[in-house]
C-alpha atoms as a PDB file:
ATOM      1  CA  GLN A   1      -4.387 -27.347 -12.336  1.00  0.00           C
ATOM      2  CA  VAL A   2      -2.178 -24.338 -12.910  1.00  0.00           C
ATOM      3  CA  GLN A   3      -2.446 -21.683 -10.236  1.00  0.00           C
ATOM      4  CA  LEU A   4      -0.607 -18.638  -8.998  1.00  0.00           C
ATOM      5  CA  VAL A   5      -1.209 -18.299  -5.285  1.00  0.00           C
ATOM      6  CA  ALA A   6      -0.483 -15.106  -3.411  1.00  0.00           C
ATOM      7  CA  SER A   7       0.948 -15.381   0.095  1.00  0.00           C
ATOM      8  CA  GLY A   8       2.613 -13.268   2.761  1.00  0.00           C
ATOM      9  CA  GLY A   9      -0.316 -11.119   3.793  1.00  0.00           C
ATOM     10  CA  GLY A  10      -1.105 -10.196   7.370  1.00  0.00           C
ATOM     11  CA  SER A  11      -2.140  -7.433   9.739  1.00  0.00           C
ATOM     12  CA  VAL A  12       0.210  -4.513  10.229  1.00  0.00           C
ATOM     13  CA  GLN A  13       0.086  -1.095  11.750  1.00  0.00           C
ATOM     14  CA  ALA A  14       0.024   1.913   9.453  1.00  0.00           C
ATOM     15  CA  GLY A  15       3.542   2.769   8.395  1.00  0.00           C
ATOM     16  CA  GLY A  16       4.601  -0.838   8.496  1.00  0.00           C
ATOM     17  CA  SER A  17       5.716  -3.106   5.678  1.00  0.00           C
ATOM     18  CA  LEU A  18       4.939  -6.472   4.157  1.00  0.00           C
ATOM     19  CA  THR A  19       6.337  -8.496   1.274  1.00  0.00           C
ATOM     20  CA  LEU A  20       3.971 -10.637  -0.739  1.00  0.00           C
ATOM     21  CA  SER A  21       5.033 -13.652  -2.751  1.00  0.00           C
ATOM     22  CA  CYS A  22       3.430 -15.364  -5.716  1.00  0.00           C
ATOM     23  CA  GLU A  23       3.766 -19.124  -5.641  1.00  0.00           C
ATOM     24  CA  ARG A  24       3.093 -21.278  -8.638  1.00  0.00           C
ATOM     25  CA  SER A  25       1.661 -24.723  -8.861  1.00  0.00           C
ATOM     26  CA  GLY A  26       1.317 -26.969 -11.846  1.00  0.00           C
ATOM     27  CA  ILE A  27       3.724 -25.053 -14.067  1.00  0.00           C
ATOM     28  CA  GLU A  28       7.343 -23.993 -14.209  1.00  0.00           C
ATOM     29  CA  TYR A  29       7.862 -20.320 -13.592  1.00  0.00           C
ATOM     30  CA  SER A  30      10.114 -20.137 -16.665  1.00  0.00           C
ATOM     31  CA  HIS A  31       6.911 -20.450 -18.689  1.00  0.00           C
ATOM     32  CA  PHE A  32       6.195 -16.865 -17.628  1.00  0.00           C
ATOM     33  CA  ARG A  33       9.629 -15.510 -18.582  1.00  0.00           C
ATOM     34  CA  TYR A  34       8.268 -13.123 -21.179  1.00  0.00           C
ATOM     35  CA  TYR A  35       4.810 -12.712 -19.733  1.00  0.00           C
ATOM     36  CA  CYS A  36       3.194  -9.676 -18.192  1.00  0.00           C
ATOM     37  CA  MET A  37       2.950 -10.342 -14.457  1.00  0.00           C
ATOM     38  CA  ALA A  38       0.815  -8.265 -12.161  1.00  0.00           C
ATOM     39  CA  TRP A  39      -0.480  -7.663  -8.686  1.00  0.00           C
ATOM     40  CA  PHE A  40      -4.123  -6.776  -8.174  1.00  0.00           C
ATOM     41  CA  ARG A  41      -6.079  -5.947  -5.053  1.00  0.00           C
ATOM     42  CA  GLN A  42      -9.717  -5.844  -4.113  1.00  0.00           C
ATOM     43  CA  ALA A  43     -11.110  -4.041  -1.110  1.00  0.00           C
ATOM     44  CA  PRO A  44     -14.575  -4.860   0.245  1.00  0.00           C
ATOM     45  CA  GLY A  45     -17.271  -3.350  -1.938  1.00  0.00           C
ATOM     46  CA  LYS A  46     -14.801  -2.261  -4.616  1.00  0.00           C
ATOM     47  CA  GLU A  47     -13.677  -3.580  -7.959  1.00  0.00           C
ATOM     48  CA  ARG A  48     -10.424  -5.469  -8.341  1.00  0.00           C
ATOM     49  CA  GLU A  49      -7.733  -3.028  -9.406  1.00  0.00           C
ATOM     50  CA  GLY A  50      -4.264  -3.439 -10.797  1.00  0.00           C
ATOM     51  CA  VAL A  51      -1.540  -1.997  -8.583  1.00  0.00           C
ATOM     52  CA  ALA A  52       1.678  -3.048 -10.308  1.00  0.00           C
ATOM     53  CA  THR A  53       2.972  -4.829 -13.400  1.00  0.00           C
ATOM     54  CA  ILE A  54       6.317  -6.121 -14.593  1.00  0.00           C
ATOM     55  CA  ASP A  55       6.904  -7.235 -18.169  1.00  0.00           C
ATOM     56  CA  GLY A  56       9.336  -9.694 -19.710  1.00  0.00           C
ATOM     57  CA  ASN A  57      12.000  -7.014 -19.962  1.00  0.00           C
ATOM     58  CA  GLY A  58      11.661  -6.009 -16.341  1.00  0.00           C
ATOM     59  CA  ARG A  59       9.801  -2.796 -16.990  1.00  0.00           C
ATOM     60  CA  THR A  60       7.464  -1.890 -14.143  1.00  0.00           C
ATOM     61  CA  THR A  61       4.382   0.260 -13.751  1.00  0.00           C
ATOM     62  CA  TYR A  62       2.477   1.287 -10.626  1.00  0.00           C
ATOM     63  CA  SER A  63      -0.873   2.810  -9.849  1.00  0.00           C
ATOM     64  CA  GLU A  64      -0.694   6.322  -8.464  1.00  0.00           C
ATOM     65  CA  SER A  65      -1.992   5.155  -5.100  1.00  0.00           C
ATOM     66  CA  VAL A  66       1.024   2.884  -4.481  1.00  0.00           C
ATOM     67  CA  LYS A  67       3.777   4.553  -6.488  1.00  0.00           C
ATOM     68  CA  GLY A  68       6.867   5.130  -4.393  1.00  0.00           C
ATOM     69  CA  ARG A  69       5.726   2.709  -1.700  1.00  0.00           C
ATOM     70  CA  PHE A  70       5.337  -0.633  -3.505  1.00  0.00           C
ATOM     71  CA  THR A  71       7.981  -2.456  -5.514  1.00  0.00           C
ATOM     72  CA  ILE A  72       7.200  -5.322  -7.859  1.00  0.00           C
ATOM     73  CA  SER A  73      10.062  -7.612  -8.716  1.00  0.00           C
ATOM     74  CA  LYS A  74      10.793 -10.868 -10.394  1.00  0.00           C
ATOM     75  CA  ASP A  75      13.739 -13.122  -9.696  1.00  0.00           C
ATOM     76  CA  ASN A  76      15.109 -13.698 -13.168  1.00  0.00           C
ATOM     77  CA  GLY A  77      16.540 -17.026 -12.201  1.00  0.00           C
ATOM     78  CA  ALA A  78      13.507 -18.523 -10.575  1.00  0.00           C
ATOM     79  CA  HIS A  79      11.097 -15.971 -12.025  1.00  0.00           C
ATOM     80  CA  ASP A  80       9.422 -15.762  -8.629  1.00  0.00           C
ATOM     81  CA  LEU A  81       7.221 -12.719  -8.333  1.00  0.00           C
ATOM     82  CA  SER A  82       7.021 -10.553  -5.240  1.00  0.00           C
ATOM     83  CA  LEU A  83       5.551  -7.259  -4.074  1.00  0.00           C
ATOM     84  CA  GLN A  84       7.387  -5.294  -1.421  1.00  0.00           C
ATOM     85  CA  MET A  85       5.113  -2.851   0.364  1.00  0.00           C
ATOM     86  CA  ILE A  86       6.332  -0.117   2.707  1.00  0.00           C
ATOM     87  CA  SER A  87       4.678   2.853   4.410  1.00  0.00           C
ATOM     88  CA  LEU A  88       1.412   0.960   4.396  1.00  0.00           C
ATOM     89  CA  LYS A  89      -1.824   2.894   4.862  1.00  0.00           C
ATOM     90  CA  PRO A  90      -5.258   1.773   6.055  1.00  0.00           C
ATOM     91  CA  GLU A  91      -6.530   2.295   2.499  1.00  0.00           C
ATOM     92  CA  ASP A  92      -4.141  -0.442   1.341  1.00  0.00           C
ATOM     93  CA  THR A  93      -6.335  -2.945   3.174  1.00  0.00           C
ATOM     94  CA  ALA A  94      -7.520  -5.473   0.576  1.00  0.00           C
ATOM     95  CA  MET A  95      -7.192  -8.982  -0.749  1.00  0.00           C
ATOM     96  CA  TYR A  96      -4.118  -9.119  -2.986  1.00  0.00           C
ATOM     97  CA  TYR A  97      -3.780 -11.369  -6.029  1.00  0.00           C
ATOM     98  CA  CYS A  98      -1.020 -12.165  -8.512  1.00  0.00           C
ATOM     99  CA  ALA A  99      -1.542 -12.970 -12.168  1.00  0.00           C
ATOM    100  CA  ALA A 100       0.318 -13.672 -15.398  1.00  0.00           C
ATOM    101  CA  GLU A 101      -0.522 -13.511 -19.080  1.00  0.00           C
ATOM    102  CA  ASN A 102       1.095 -12.935 -22.459  1.00  0.00           C
ATOM    103  CA  LEU A 103      -0.101  -9.329 -22.687  1.00  0.00           C
ATOM    104  CA  VAL A 104       0.976  -6.184 -24.461  1.00  0.00           C
ATOM    105  CA  PRO A 105       0.895  -3.502 -23.213  1.00  0.00           C
ATOM    106  CA  CYS A 106       1.657  -4.518 -19.684  1.00  0.00           C
ATOM    107  CA  THR A 107       0.659  -1.530 -17.587  1.00  0.00           C
ATOM    108  CA  VAL A 108      -1.703  -0.354 -14.852  1.00  0.00           C
ATOM    109  CA  THR A 109      -1.527   3.241 -16.076  1.00  0.00           C
ATOM    110  CA  GLY A 110      -2.667   5.172 -19.122  1.00  0.00           C
ATOM    111  CA  ASP A 111      -5.574   4.558 -21.431  1.00  0.00           C
ATOM    112  CA  ALA A 112      -5.359   0.772 -21.491  1.00  0.00           C
ATOM    113  CA  PRO A 113      -4.566  -0.542 -18.024  1.00  0.00           C
ATOM    114  CA  VAL A 114      -4.611  -4.289 -17.576  1.00  0.00           C
ATOM    115  CA  ARG A 115      -7.692  -5.860 -16.038  1.00  0.00           C
ATOM    116  CA  TRP A 116      -8.025  -9.046 -14.017  1.00  0.00           C
ATOM    117  CA  ALA A 117     -10.186 -10.505 -16.786  1.00  0.00           C
ATOM    118  CA  ASP A 118      -7.242 -10.168 -19.205  1.00  0.00           C
ATOM    119  CA  PHE A 119      -5.193 -12.717 -17.280  1.00  0.00           C
ATOM    120  CA  GLY A 120      -5.425 -16.439 -17.776  1.00  0.00           C
ATOM    121  CA  TYR A 121      -3.196 -17.371 -14.848  1.00  0.00           C
ATOM    122  CA  GLY A 122      -4.152 -16.408 -11.322  1.00  0.00           C
ATOM    123  CA  GLY A 123      -5.559 -17.900  -8.166  1.00  0.00           C
ATOM    124  CA  PRO A 124      -6.334 -17.319  -4.488  1.00  0.00           C
ATOM    125  CA  GLY A 125      -5.355 -14.062  -2.869  1.00  0.00           C
ATOM    126  CA  THR A 126      -3.798 -13.085   0.438  1.00  0.00           C
ATOM    127  CA  GLN A 127      -5.380 -10.635   2.877  1.00  0.00           C
ATOM    128  CA  VAL A 128      -3.548  -7.465   3.849  1.00  0.00           C
ATOM    129  CA  THR A 129      -5.016  -5.472   6.721  1.00  0.00           C
ATOM    130  CA  VAL A 130      -3.518  -2.167   7.776  1.00  0.00           C
ATOM    131  CA  PHE A 131      -4.780  -0.671  11.024  1.00  0.00           C
ATOM    132  CA  SER A 132      -4.215   2.839  12.306  1.00  0.00           C
END
């Protein structure tokens, strides 16, 4: 079974930082070389929202709520996906998920932001809790 499993979550004080990783199973990461890859999050009682995307050319987009604080990146050699988060706020508390799909456009902004349902590759999330 092909899965992308998010890891690296934890509990941090507001202002702190975390780096999430996206680990694959059942497939080589090179399969996703030209795919849209994304991070989503879901807080209790809220819908899952896209926070960042990176496309096959390395172009990135961010939601307004995380812009300037989160950085999505992909190791071009191993194609491992990560999300570096700094200046964390209590409102960043959520379950975080990674996903991949052959999608165009690959963006969390504008009139056609990506949705979790658009992605065929995903899996279990990792909990991020930010306390004040």
